[in-house]
Amino acid sequence: MVDHGYVYKLKAGEPGRPILFVLHGTGGDETQFFDLGTGLLPQATVVSPRGDVSERGAARFFRRTGEGVYDMADLSRATQKMTNFVKTLAREHEASEIIGVGYSNGANILANVLIEEGVFDRAVLMHPLIPFRPGDNPALAGRRILITAGERDPICPAPLTQTLADYFKAQKATVALEWHSGGHEIRQNEIAAAERFVSA
């Protein structure tokens, strides 16, 4: 049996359907958004991995040295590991399309996989934080990305959210933004926007 590298939950869909990866935030696990994923695309294969890094007992997908300060070497490691995980499962399930939905830390690893490797055809980034200027990646042209965020998010400041959206637009990705007036919490308008985006 192939060692996929993560503890994860999976609902197998029909071959030739999309595969949807749902990625939790800091302190979450493989159950946090699994039901959301299966509800978003009932006929798809849904995969929800648990982050392989522990921060004082809280699961994450890569290490950091402080709030908003990333361990860049570990981010690189985690990005390659997630890329291999996604590609392997997409191939095993004969997926027609690779879609990602991530929140907070899950959105950050999803965003960095996009930035470095492409891989995802469509992605929903909920409250992402990329606190550095990514390099250009022509492979992002044509990718479809939805970013959702809080205007008063203390963890993912709105200007950095806008900067990330502008980066993806500059790479010729198709980008939509969905804001709410609050902070780091997920609100219903974000879920509704994700539903429209994924089912389109």
N, C-alpha and C. Protein backbone atom coordinates (compact mmCIF):
# COMPACT_ATOMS: atom_id res chain seq x y z
N MET A 1 0.85 -1.20 0.00
CA MET A 1 0.00 0.00 0.00
C MET A 1 0.88 1.25 0.00
N VAL A 2 0.47 2.22 -0.77
CA VAL A 2 1.23 3.47 -0.87
C VAL A 2 1.12 4.24 0.44
N ASP A 3 2.25 4.75 0.93
CA ASP A 3 2.25 5.63 2.09
C ASP A 3 2.01 7.05 1.60
N HIS A 4 0.82 7.59 1.86
CA HIS A 4 0.48 8.90 1.35
C HIS A 4 1.04 10.04 2.21
N GLY A 5 1.56 9.73 3.39
CA GLY A 5 2.28 10.74 4.16
C GLY A 5 1.48 11.50 5.19
N TYR A 6 0.14 11.47 5.09
CA TYR A 6 -0.71 12.17 6.05
C TYR A 6 -1.75 11.20 6.62
N VAL A 7 -2.18 11.46 7.84
CA VAL A 7 -3.44 10.90 8.32
C VAL A 7 -4.54 11.67 7.61
N TYR A 8 -5.54 10.98 7.07
CA TYR A 8 -6.58 11.70 6.33
C TYR A 8 -7.88 10.93 6.30
N LYS A 9 -8.97 11.65 6.05
CA LYS A 9 -10.28 11.04 5.78
C LYS A 9 -10.52 11.13 4.28
N LEU A 10 -11.24 10.14 3.75
CA LEU A 10 -11.50 10.10 2.32
C LEU A 10 -12.88 9.55 2.05
N LYS A 11 -13.59 10.19 1.16
CA LYS A 11 -14.81 9.63 0.59
C LYS A 11 -14.57 9.47 -0.90
N ALA A 12 -14.54 8.23 -1.36
CA ALA A 12 -14.26 7.98 -2.77
C ALA A 12 -15.48 8.32 -3.63
N GLY A 13 -15.25 9.10 -4.67
CA GLY A 13 -16.29 9.40 -5.63
C GLY A 13 -16.14 8.52 -6.87
N GLU A 14 -16.87 8.88 -7.89
CA GLU A 14 -16.81 8.11 -9.13
C GLU A 14 -15.56 8.52 -9.92
N PRO A 15 -14.88 7.55 -10.55
CA PRO A 15 -13.77 7.91 -11.44
C PRO A 15 -14.24 8.87 -12.53
N GLY A 16 -13.36 9.81 -12.88
CA GLY A 16 -13.74 10.80 -13.88
C GLY A 16 -14.46 12.01 -13.32
N ARG A 17 -14.68 12.03 -12.01
CA ARG A 17 -15.25 13.19 -11.32
C ARG A 17 -14.10 14.00 -10.71
N PRO A 18 -14.38 15.22 -10.24
CA PRO A 18 -13.33 15.99 -9.57
C PRO A 18 -12.90 15.35 -8.25
N ILE A 19 -11.72 15.74 -7.79
CA ILE A 19 -11.26 15.41 -6.45
C ILE A 19 -11.12 16.73 -5.69
N LEU A 20 -11.64 16.75 -4.47
CA LEU A 20 -11.69 17.96 -3.64
C LEU A 20 -10.88 17.72 -2.37
N PHE A 21 -9.87 18.56 -2.16
CA PHE A 21 -9.05 18.51 -0.95
C PHE A 21 -9.51 19.63 -0.02
N VAL A 22 -9.79 19.28 1.24
CA VAL A 22 -10.20 20.28 2.23
C VAL A 22 -9.14 20.31 3.34
N LEU A 23 -8.64 21.50 3.64
CA LEU A 23 -7.47 21.67 4.50
C LEU A 23 -7.83 22.54 5.70
N HIS A 24 -7.64 22.01 6.87
CA HIS A 24 -8.07 22.65 8.11
C HIS A 24 -7.15 23.79 8.53
N GLY A 25 -7.62 24.59 9.49
CA GLY A 25 -6.81 25.64 10.09
C GLY A 25 -6.02 25.11 11.28
N THR A 26 -5.18 25.96 11.87
CA THR A 26 -4.38 25.58 13.04
C THR A 26 -5.28 25.05 14.15
N GLY A 27 -4.93 23.87 14.65
CA GLY A 27 -5.71 23.27 15.73
C GLY A 27 -6.87 22.43 15.25
N GLY A 28 -7.13 22.43 13.94
CA GLY A 28 -8.17 21.56 13.40
C GLY A 28 -7.61 20.18 13.11
N ASP A 29 -8.40 19.39 12.43
CA ASP A 29 -7.95 18.06 12.03
C ASP A 29 -8.70 17.64 10.78
N GLU A 30 -8.59 16.37 10.44
CA GLU A 30 -9.18 15.89 9.20
C GLU A 30 -10.70 15.88 9.21
N THR A 31 -11.31 16.08 10.38
CA THR A 31 -12.78 16.12 10.44
C THR A 31 -13.34 17.54 10.31
N GLN A 32 -12.50 18.58 10.46
CA GLN A 32 -13.01 19.95 10.59
C GLN A 32 -13.88 20.38 9.41
N PHE A 33 -13.45 20.10 8.20
CA PHE A 33 -14.20 20.54 7.02
C PHE A 33 -14.61 19.39 6.12
N PHE A 34 -14.51 18.16 6.64
CA PHE A 34 -14.83 17.00 5.81
C PHE A 34 -16.29 17.03 5.36
N ASP A 35 -17.19 17.29 6.29
CA ASP A 35 -18.61 17.33 5.93
C ASP A 35 -18.91 18.48 4.99
N LEU A 36 -18.24 19.61 5.19
CA LEU A 36 -18.40 20.72 4.25
C LEU A 36 -17.99 20.27 2.85
N GLY A 37 -16.87 19.58 2.75
CA GLY A 37 -16.38 19.13 1.46
C GLY A 37 -17.36 18.19 0.77
N THR A 38 -17.88 17.21 1.53
CA THR A 38 -18.81 16.26 0.92
C THR A 38 -20.11 16.94 0.52
N GLY A 39 -20.48 18.00 1.24
CA GLY A 39 -21.67 18.75 0.87
C GLY A 39 -21.46 19.64 -0.35
N LEU A 40 -20.25 20.15 -0.51
CA LEU A 40 -19.96 21.02 -1.65
C LEU A 40 -20.02 20.27 -2.97
N LEU A 41 -19.46 19.05 -2.98
CA LEU A 41 -19.40 18.25 -4.22
C LEU A 41 -19.74 16.79 -3.90
N PRO A 42 -21.02 16.46 -3.83
CA PRO A 42 -21.43 15.13 -3.38
C PRO A 42 -20.88 13.97 -4.22
N GLN A 43 -20.64 14.17 -5.50
CA GLN A 43 -20.19 13.07 -6.35
C GLN A 43 -18.67 13.01 -6.50
N ALA A 44 -17.99 13.97 -5.91
CA ALA A 44 -16.53 14.02 -6.02
C ALA A 44 -15.86 13.11 -4.99
N THR A 45 -14.60 12.79 -5.23
CA THR A 45 -13.76 12.23 -4.18
C THR A 45 -13.34 13.38 -3.26
N VAL A 46 -13.52 13.21 -1.97
CA VAL A 46 -13.19 14.25 -0.99
C VAL A 46 -12.08 13.72 -0.08
N VAL A 47 -11.03 14.50 0.06
CA VAL A 47 -9.87 14.12 0.86
C VAL A 47 -9.58 15.23 1.87
N SER A 48 -9.44 14.84 3.13
CA SER A 48 -9.16 15.82 4.19
C SER A 48 -7.98 15.34 5.02
N PRO A 49 -6.77 15.86 4.75
CA PRO A 49 -5.59 15.44 5.52
C PRO A 49 -5.46 16.23 6.83
N ARG A 50 -4.77 15.62 7.79
CA ARG A 50 -4.42 16.29 9.04
C ARG A 50 -3.00 16.83 8.91
N GLY A 51 -2.79 18.06 9.31
CA GLY A 51 -1.45 18.63 9.29
C GLY A 51 -0.46 17.77 10.07
N ASP A 52 0.77 17.69 9.58
CA ASP A 52 1.77 16.79 10.17
C ASP A 52 2.73 17.49 11.11
N VAL A 53 2.44 18.75 11.45
CA VAL A 53 3.27 19.52 12.38
C VAL A 53 2.42 19.84 13.61
N SER A 54 3.03 19.74 14.79
CA SER A 54 2.33 20.08 16.03
C SER A 54 2.92 21.36 16.61
N GLU A 55 2.05 22.32 16.87
CA GLU A 55 2.47 23.56 17.53
C GLU A 55 1.78 23.60 18.89
N ARG A 56 2.51 23.18 19.92
CA ARG A 56 1.93 23.07 21.28
C ARG A 56 0.64 22.24 21.26
N GLY A 57 0.67 21.16 20.49
CA GLY A 57 -0.47 20.26 20.42
C GLY A 57 -1.48 20.58 19.34
N ALA A 58 -1.33 21.70 18.67
CA ALA A 58 -2.25 22.10 17.60
C ALA A 58 -1.68 21.68 16.24
N ALA A 59 -2.46 20.94 15.48
CA ALA A 59 -2.00 20.46 14.17
C ALA A 59 -1.92 21.61 13.16
N ARG A 60 -0.82 21.62 12.42
CA ARG A 60 -0.61 22.59 11.34
C ARG A 60 0.06 21.86 10.17
N PHE A 61 0.09 22.54 9.02
CA PHE A 61 0.71 21.95 7.83
C PHE A 61 2.18 22.35 7.66
N PHE A 62 2.62 23.40 8.35
CA PHE A 62 4.04 23.77 8.34
C PHE A 62 4.34 24.58 9.58
N ARG A 63 5.62 24.68 9.91
CA ARG A 63 6.03 25.36 11.13
C ARG A 63 6.09 26.87 10.94
N ARG A 64 6.00 27.57 12.05
CA ARG A 64 6.24 29.01 12.06
C ARG A 64 7.04 29.34 13.31
N THR A 65 7.69 30.48 13.29
CA THR A 65 8.51 30.89 14.43
C THR A 65 7.81 31.95 15.27
N GLY A 66 6.68 32.44 14.79
CA GLY A 66 5.89 33.43 15.51
C GLY A 66 4.63 33.70 14.72
N GLU A 67 3.71 34.48 15.28
CA GLU A 67 2.47 34.81 14.57
C GLU A 67 2.81 35.54 13.27
N GLY A 68 2.45 34.92 12.14
CA GLY A 68 2.70 35.53 10.83
C GLY A 68 4.15 35.44 10.37
N VAL A 69 5.00 34.68 11.10
CA VAL A 69 6.41 34.52 10.72
C VAL A 69 6.65 33.05 10.38
N TYR A 70 6.85 32.77 9.11
CA TYR A 70 6.92 31.38 8.66
C TYR A 70 8.35 30.85 8.69
N ASP A 71 8.46 29.57 9.02
CA ASP A 71 9.70 28.83 8.84
C ASP A 71 9.76 28.46 7.36
N MET A 72 10.50 29.23 6.57
CA MET A 72 10.44 29.10 5.12
C MET A 72 10.97 27.76 4.63
N ALA A 73 11.96 27.21 5.34
CA ALA A 73 12.48 25.89 4.96
C ALA A 73 11.40 24.83 5.17
N ASP A 74 10.65 24.93 6.26
CA ASP A 74 9.61 23.95 6.50
C ASP A 74 8.41 24.17 5.58
N LEU A 75 8.15 25.42 5.24
CA LEU A 75 7.09 25.69 4.25
C LEU A 75 7.43 25.03 2.92
N SER A 76 8.70 25.09 2.52
CA SER A 76 9.13 24.45 1.29
C SER A 76 8.94 22.93 1.37
N ARG A 77 9.35 22.35 2.50
CA ARG A 77 9.16 20.91 2.71
C ARG A 77 7.69 20.53 2.61
N ALA A 78 6.86 21.28 3.32
CA ALA A 78 5.43 20.98 3.38
C ALA A 78 4.77 21.15 2.02
N THR A 79 5.23 22.15 1.27
CA THR A 79 4.65 22.39 -0.06
C THR A 79 4.93 21.22 -0.98
N GLN A 80 6.15 20.70 -0.95
CA GLN A 80 6.48 19.56 -1.80
C GLN A 80 5.72 18.32 -1.36
N LYS A 81 5.61 18.13 -0.05
CA LYS A 81 4.88 16.96 0.45
C LYS A 81 3.41 17.04 0.05
N MET A 82 2.78 18.20 0.21
CA MET A 82 1.37 18.34 -0.16
C MET A 82 1.18 18.18 -1.66
N THR A 83 2.10 18.70 -2.44
CA THR A 83 2.02 18.55 -3.90
C THR A 83 2.02 17.08 -4.28
N ASN A 84 2.93 16.31 -3.71
CA ASN A 84 3.01 14.88 -4.01
C ASN A 84 1.75 14.14 -3.56
N PHE A 85 1.23 14.51 -2.39
CA PHE A 85 0.01 13.91 -1.85
C PHE A 85 -1.16 14.14 -2.79
N VAL A 86 -1.32 15.39 -3.21
CA VAL A 86 -2.45 15.75 -4.08
C VAL A 86 -2.34 15.05 -5.43
N LYS A 87 -1.17 15.08 -6.03
CA LYS A 87 -1.00 14.46 -7.33
C LYS A 87 -1.24 12.94 -7.27
N THR A 88 -0.74 12.31 -6.22
CA THR A 88 -0.88 10.86 -6.09
C THR A 88 -2.35 10.46 -5.97
N LEU A 89 -3.09 11.13 -5.10
CA LEU A 89 -4.49 10.76 -4.90
C LEU A 89 -5.34 11.12 -6.12
N ALA A 90 -5.03 12.23 -6.77
CA ALA A 90 -5.76 12.59 -7.99
C ALA A 90 -5.57 11.53 -9.06
N ARG A 91 -4.36 11.03 -9.16
CA ARG A 91 -4.08 9.97 -10.14
C ARG A 91 -4.78 8.67 -9.76
N GLU A 92 -4.72 8.30 -8.50
CA GLU A 92 -5.34 7.05 -8.05
C GLU A 92 -6.85 7.05 -8.28
N HIS A 93 -7.48 8.21 -8.13
CA HIS A 93 -8.93 8.30 -8.26
C HIS A 93 -9.38 8.80 -9.64
N GLU A 94 -8.43 8.87 -10.57
CA GLU A 94 -8.73 9.24 -11.96
C GLU A 94 -9.56 10.53 -12.02
N ALA A 95 -9.09 11.53 -11.28
CA ALA A 95 -9.85 12.77 -11.14
C ALA A 95 -9.83 13.59 -12.43
N SER A 96 -10.97 14.18 -12.75
CA SER A 96 -11.08 15.04 -13.92
C SER A 96 -10.57 16.44 -13.63
N GLU A 97 -10.55 16.82 -12.35
CA GLU A 97 -10.19 18.18 -11.94
C GLU A 97 -9.74 18.12 -10.49
N ILE A 98 -8.78 18.97 -10.14
CA ILE A 98 -8.29 19.04 -8.76
C ILE A 98 -8.72 20.37 -8.15
N ILE A 99 -9.48 20.30 -7.07
CA ILE A 99 -10.02 21.48 -6.41
C ILE A 99 -9.55 21.48 -4.96
N GLY A 100 -9.22 22.63 -4.42
CA GLY A 100 -8.81 22.75 -3.03
C GLY A 100 -9.63 23.78 -2.29
N VAL A 101 -9.93 23.49 -1.04
CA VAL A 101 -10.57 24.45 -0.13
C VAL A 101 -9.76 24.44 1.16
N GLY A 102 -9.25 25.60 1.56
CA GLY A 102 -8.46 25.67 2.77
C GLY A 102 -8.82 26.88 3.60
N TYR A 103 -8.71 26.73 4.92
CA TYR A 103 -8.98 27.83 5.85
C TYR A 103 -7.73 28.12 6.67
N SER A 104 -7.34 29.39 6.75
CA SER A 104 -6.26 29.85 7.61
C SER A 104 -4.98 29.10 7.27
N ASN A 105 -4.42 28.30 8.17
CA ASN A 105 -3.18 27.58 7.85
C ASN A 105 -3.38 26.65 6.65
N GLY A 106 -4.55 26.05 6.53
CA GLY A 106 -4.85 25.23 5.36
C GLY A 106 -4.89 26.04 4.08
N ALA A 107 -5.40 27.27 4.17
CA ALA A 107 -5.38 28.15 3.00
C ALA A 107 -3.97 28.56 2.64
N ASN A 108 -3.11 28.70 3.66
CA ASN A 108 -1.73 29.13 3.40
C ASN A 108 -0.93 28.05 2.66
N ILE A 109 -1.07 26.79 3.07
CA ILE A 109 -0.35 25.73 2.36
C ILE A 109 -0.95 25.54 0.97
N LEU A 110 -2.27 25.67 0.85
CA LEU A 110 -2.92 25.58 -0.46
C LEU A 110 -2.42 26.69 -1.37
N ALA A 111 -2.35 27.91 -0.85
CA ALA A 111 -1.87 29.04 -1.65
C ALA A 111 -0.43 28.82 -2.09
N ASN A 112 0.41 28.30 -1.19
CA ASN A 112 1.82 28.14 -1.55
C ASN A 112 2.02 27.00 -2.55
N VAL A 113 1.20 25.95 -2.48
CA VAL A 113 1.25 24.92 -3.51
C VAL A 113 0.88 25.54 -4.86
N LEU A 114 -0.15 26.36 -4.89
CA LEU A 114 -0.50 27.07 -6.12
C LEU A 114 0.66 27.91 -6.63
N ILE A 115 1.24 28.69 -5.74
CA ILE A 115 2.32 29.61 -6.10
C ILE A 115 3.52 28.87 -6.67
N GLU A 116 3.88 27.77 -6.03
CA GLU A 116 5.10 27.05 -6.41
C GLU A 116 4.88 26.02 -7.50
N GLU A 117 3.73 25.34 -7.47
CA GLU A 117 3.55 24.16 -8.32
C GLU A 117 2.33 24.22 -9.23
N GLY A 118 1.41 25.15 -8.97
CA GLY A 118 0.14 25.14 -9.72
C GLY A 118 -0.76 24.06 -9.14
N VAL A 119 -0.80 22.90 -9.76
CA VAL A 119 -1.47 21.67 -9.33
C VAL A 119 -3.00 21.81 -9.29
N PHE A 120 -3.52 22.74 -8.49
CA PHE A 120 -4.97 22.87 -8.35
C PHE A 120 -5.55 23.65 -9.53
N ASP A 121 -6.64 23.11 -10.09
CA ASP A 121 -7.34 23.81 -11.16
C ASP A 121 -8.17 24.96 -10.60
N ARG A 122 -8.77 24.70 -9.44
CA ARG A 122 -9.57 25.72 -8.74
C ARG A 122 -9.25 25.65 -7.26
N ALA A 123 -9.33 26.79 -6.59
CA ALA A 123 -9.01 26.82 -5.16
C ALA A 123 -9.82 27.88 -4.45
N VAL A 124 -10.27 27.54 -3.25
CA VAL A 124 -10.93 28.49 -2.34
C VAL A 124 -9.98 28.71 -1.17
N LEU A 125 -9.50 29.94 -1.03
CA LEU A 125 -8.58 30.32 0.04
C LEU A 125 -9.36 31.16 1.05
N MET A 126 -9.65 30.58 2.21
CA MET A 126 -10.41 31.29 3.24
C MET A 126 -9.43 31.84 4.28
N HIS A 127 -9.36 33.16 4.33
CA HIS A 127 -8.49 33.86 5.28
C HIS A 127 -7.02 33.44 5.14
N PRO A 128 -6.48 33.54 3.94
CA PRO A 128 -5.07 33.19 3.74
C PRO A 128 -4.14 34.31 4.19
N LEU A 129 -2.90 33.94 4.52
CA LEU A 129 -1.86 34.91 4.83
C LEU A 129 -0.57 34.46 4.15
N ILE A 130 -0.15 35.20 3.16
CA ILE A 130 1.15 34.98 2.51
C ILE A 130 1.97 36.25 2.76
N PRO A 131 2.83 36.25 3.80
CA PRO A 131 3.51 37.48 4.23
C PRO A 131 4.83 37.72 3.51
N PHE A 132 4.89 37.33 2.25
CA PHE A 132 6.10 37.53 1.45
C PHE A 132 5.68 37.70 -0.01
N ARG A 133 6.59 38.22 -0.82
CA ARG A 133 6.28 38.41 -2.24
C ARG A 133 6.63 37.14 -3.00
N PRO A 134 5.62 36.42 -3.51
CA PRO A 134 5.91 35.19 -4.24
C PRO A 134 6.57 35.49 -5.59
N GLY A 135 7.29 34.50 -6.08
CA GLY A 135 7.84 34.60 -7.43
C GLY A 135 6.77 34.37 -8.48
N ASP A 136 7.04 34.84 -9.68
CA ASP A 136 6.09 34.66 -10.77
C ASP A 136 6.00 33.19 -11.16
N ASN A 137 4.82 32.78 -11.59
CA ASN A 137 4.61 31.40 -12.04
C ASN A 137 3.62 31.41 -13.21
N PRO A 138 4.11 31.30 -14.45
CA PRO A 138 3.23 31.31 -15.60
C PRO A 138 2.19 30.19 -15.59
N ALA A 139 2.44 29.11 -14.83
CA ALA A 139 1.50 27.99 -14.77
C ALA A 139 0.18 28.38 -14.09
N LEU A 140 0.15 29.53 -13.43
CA LEU A 140 -1.08 29.97 -12.78
C LEU A 140 -2.09 30.57 -13.75
N ALA A 141 -1.67 30.86 -14.95
CA ALA A 141 -2.60 31.44 -15.94
C ALA A 141 -3.78 30.50 -16.14
N GLY A 142 -4.98 31.07 -16.02
CA GLY A 142 -6.19 30.29 -16.23
C GLY A 142 -6.71 29.57 -15.01
N ARG A 143 -5.94 29.50 -13.93
CA ARG A 143 -6.46 28.89 -12.70
C ARG A 143 -7.56 29.79 -12.14
N ARG A 144 -8.52 29.19 -11.47
CA ARG A 144 -9.64 29.94 -10.88
C ARG A 144 -9.51 29.91 -9.36
N ILE A 145 -9.51 31.09 -8.76
CA ILE A 145 -9.24 31.22 -7.33
C ILE A 145 -10.29 32.12 -6.69
N LEU A 146 -10.87 31.65 -5.59
CA LEU A 146 -11.75 32.46 -4.75
C LEU A 146 -11.04 32.70 -3.43
N ILE A 147 -10.93 33.95 -3.03
CA ILE A 147 -10.36 34.32 -1.74
C ILE A 147 -11.48 34.93 -0.89
N THR A 148 -11.66 34.41 0.34
CA THR A 148 -12.64 34.99 1.25
C THR A 148 -11.91 35.49 2.49
N ALA A 149 -12.41 36.58 3.06
CA ALA A 149 -11.64 37.24 4.12
C ALA A 149 -12.52 38.17 4.94
N GLY A 150 -12.00 38.50 6.14
CA GLY A 150 -12.63 39.49 6.99
C GLY A 150 -11.93 40.83 6.88
N GLU A 151 -12.69 41.89 6.78
CA GLU A 151 -12.12 43.23 6.64
C GLU A 151 -11.34 43.65 7.89
N ARG A 152 -11.66 43.04 9.04
CA ARG A 152 -10.99 43.38 10.30
C ARG A 152 -10.26 42.17 10.89
N ASP A 153 -9.77 41.31 10.02
CA ASP A 153 -9.09 40.10 10.47
C ASP A 153 -7.73 40.47 11.07
N PRO A 154 -7.51 40.22 12.39
CA PRO A 154 -6.23 40.59 13.00
C PRO A 154 -5.09 39.64 12.63
N ILE A 155 -5.42 38.44 12.15
CA ILE A 155 -4.41 37.44 11.81
C ILE A 155 -3.99 37.56 10.35
N CYS A 156 -4.95 37.83 9.48
CA CYS A 156 -4.71 37.98 8.05
C CYS A 156 -5.18 39.36 7.63
N PRO A 157 -4.36 40.39 7.79
CA PRO A 157 -4.81 41.76 7.53
C PRO A 157 -5.30 41.96 6.10
N ALA A 158 -6.35 42.75 5.97
CA ALA A 158 -6.98 42.96 4.67
C ALA A 158 -6.01 43.43 3.58
N PRO A 159 -5.05 44.33 3.88
CA PRO A 159 -4.13 44.73 2.81
C PRO A 159 -3.31 43.58 2.25
N LEU A 160 -2.92 42.62 3.11
CA LEU A 160 -2.16 41.47 2.62
C LEU A 160 -3.05 40.52 1.82
N THR A 161 -4.32 40.43 2.20
CA THR A 161 -5.27 39.65 1.40
C THR A 161 -5.39 40.23 0.00
N GLN A 162 -5.52 41.55 -0.07
CA GLN A 162 -5.63 42.21 -1.37
C GLN A 162 -4.35 42.04 -2.19
N THR A 163 -3.21 42.12 -1.52
CA THR A 163 -1.93 41.93 -2.20
C THR A 163 -1.84 40.53 -2.82
N LEU A 164 -2.32 39.52 -2.09
CA LEU A 164 -2.31 38.15 -2.61
C LEU A 164 -3.24 38.03 -3.82
N ALA A 165 -4.42 38.62 -3.72
CA ALA A 165 -5.34 38.59 -4.86
C ALA A 165 -4.71 39.28 -6.08
N ASP A 166 -4.05 40.40 -5.85
CA ASP A 166 -3.40 41.12 -6.95
C ASP A 166 -2.27 40.29 -7.56
N TYR A 167 -1.55 39.55 -6.72
CA TYR A 167 -0.49 38.68 -7.23
C TYR A 167 -1.07 37.64 -8.19
N PHE A 168 -2.13 36.95 -7.75
CA PHE A 168 -2.72 35.92 -8.60
C PHE A 168 -3.26 36.52 -9.90
N LYS A 169 -3.85 37.71 -9.81
CA LYS A 169 -4.33 38.38 -11.02
C LYS A 169 -3.18 38.69 -11.97
N ALA A 170 -2.06 39.11 -11.41
CA ALA A 170 -0.88 39.42 -12.24
C ALA A 170 -0.33 38.18 -12.93
N GLN A 171 -0.62 37.00 -12.36
CA GLN A 171 -0.20 35.74 -12.99
C GLN A 171 -1.23 35.24 -14.00
N LYS A 172 -2.26 36.07 -14.22
CA LYS A 172 -3.33 35.78 -15.19
C LYS A 172 -4.27 34.67 -14.72
N ALA A 173 -4.35 34.48 -13.41
CA ALA A 173 -5.40 33.63 -12.85
C ALA A 173 -6.71 34.43 -12.80
N THR A 174 -7.82 33.73 -12.76
CA THR A 174 -9.13 34.36 -12.59
C THR A 174 -9.44 34.38 -11.10
N VAL A 175 -9.58 35.56 -10.53
CA VAL A 175 -9.66 35.72 -9.07
C VAL A 175 -10.96 36.42 -8.68
N ALA A 176 -11.63 35.89 -7.67
CA ALA A 176 -12.79 36.54 -7.07
C ALA A 176 -12.50 36.73 -5.58
N LEU A 177 -13.02 37.82 -5.03
CA LEU A 177 -12.85 38.13 -3.60
C LEU A 177 -14.22 38.23 -2.94
N GLU A 178 -14.34 37.62 -1.78
CA GLU A 178 -15.57 37.70 -0.98
C GLU A 178 -15.20 38.16 0.43
N TRP A 179 -15.68 39.35 0.81
CA TRP A 179 -15.35 39.93 2.10
C TRP A 179 -16.53 39.84 3.06
N HIS A 180 -16.23 39.84 4.35
CA HIS A 180 -17.25 40.16 5.35
C HIS A 180 -16.66 41.21 6.29
N SER A 181 -17.50 41.77 7.13
CA SER A 181 -17.09 42.93 7.93
C SER A 181 -16.36 42.55 9.22
N GLY A 182 -16.20 41.26 9.47
CA GLY A 182 -15.63 40.83 10.74
C GLY A 182 -14.16 40.47 10.68
N GLY A 183 -13.78 39.46 11.51
CA GLY A 183 -12.38 39.11 11.68
C GLY A 183 -12.01 37.79 11.03
N HIS A 184 -11.43 36.87 11.83
CA HIS A 184 -10.87 35.64 11.28
C HIS A 184 -11.90 34.51 11.19
N GLU A 185 -13.11 34.76 11.69
CA GLU A 185 -14.13 33.71 11.67
C GLU A 185 -14.71 33.54 10.25
N ILE A 186 -15.19 32.33 9.98
CA ILE A 186 -15.87 32.07 8.71
C ILE A 186 -17.34 32.44 8.87
N ARG A 187 -17.86 33.22 7.96
CA ARG A 187 -19.26 33.61 7.99
C ARG A 187 -20.03 32.97 6.83
N GLN A 188 -21.36 33.06 6.93
CA GLN A 188 -22.21 32.34 5.98
C GLN A 188 -22.01 32.81 4.55
N ASN A 189 -21.72 34.09 4.35
CA ASN A 189 -21.54 34.55 2.96
C ASN A 189 -20.31 33.91 2.31
N GLU A 190 -19.31 33.56 3.13
CA GLU A 190 -18.14 32.87 2.59
C GLU A 190 -18.51 31.45 2.15
N ILE A 191 -19.28 30.76 2.99
CA ILE A 191 -19.71 29.40 2.65
C ILE A 191 -20.54 29.44 1.37
N ALA A 192 -21.45 30.41 1.28
CA ALA A 192 -22.30 30.51 0.09
C ALA A 192 -21.46 30.79 -1.15
N ALA A 193 -20.44 31.66 -1.01
CA ALA A 193 -19.56 31.96 -2.15
C ALA A 193 -18.77 30.73 -2.57
N ALA A 194 -18.31 29.95 -1.58
CA ALA A 194 -17.57 28.72 -1.87
C ALA A 194 -18.47 27.71 -2.58
N GLU A 195 -19.72 27.60 -2.14
CA GLU A 195 -20.66 26.68 -2.78
C GLU A 195 -20.88 27.05 -4.23
N ARG A 196 -21.07 28.33 -4.50
CA ARG A 196 -21.29 28.78 -5.88
C ARG A 196 -20.03 28.50 -6.73
N PHE A 197 -18.88 28.78 -6.15
CA PHE A 197 -17.62 28.64 -6.87
C PHE A 197 -17.32 27.18 -7.21
N VAL A 198 -17.50 26.30 -6.23
CA VAL A 198 -17.16 24.89 -6.43
C VAL A 198 -18.15 24.20 -7.34
N SER A 199 -19.42 24.56 -7.24
CA SER A 199 -20.46 23.86 -8.03
C SER A 199 -20.56 24.41 -9.45
N ALA A 200 -19.92 25.55 -9.73
CA ALA A 200 -20.06 26.16 -11.06
C ALA A 200 -19.40 25.28 -12.13
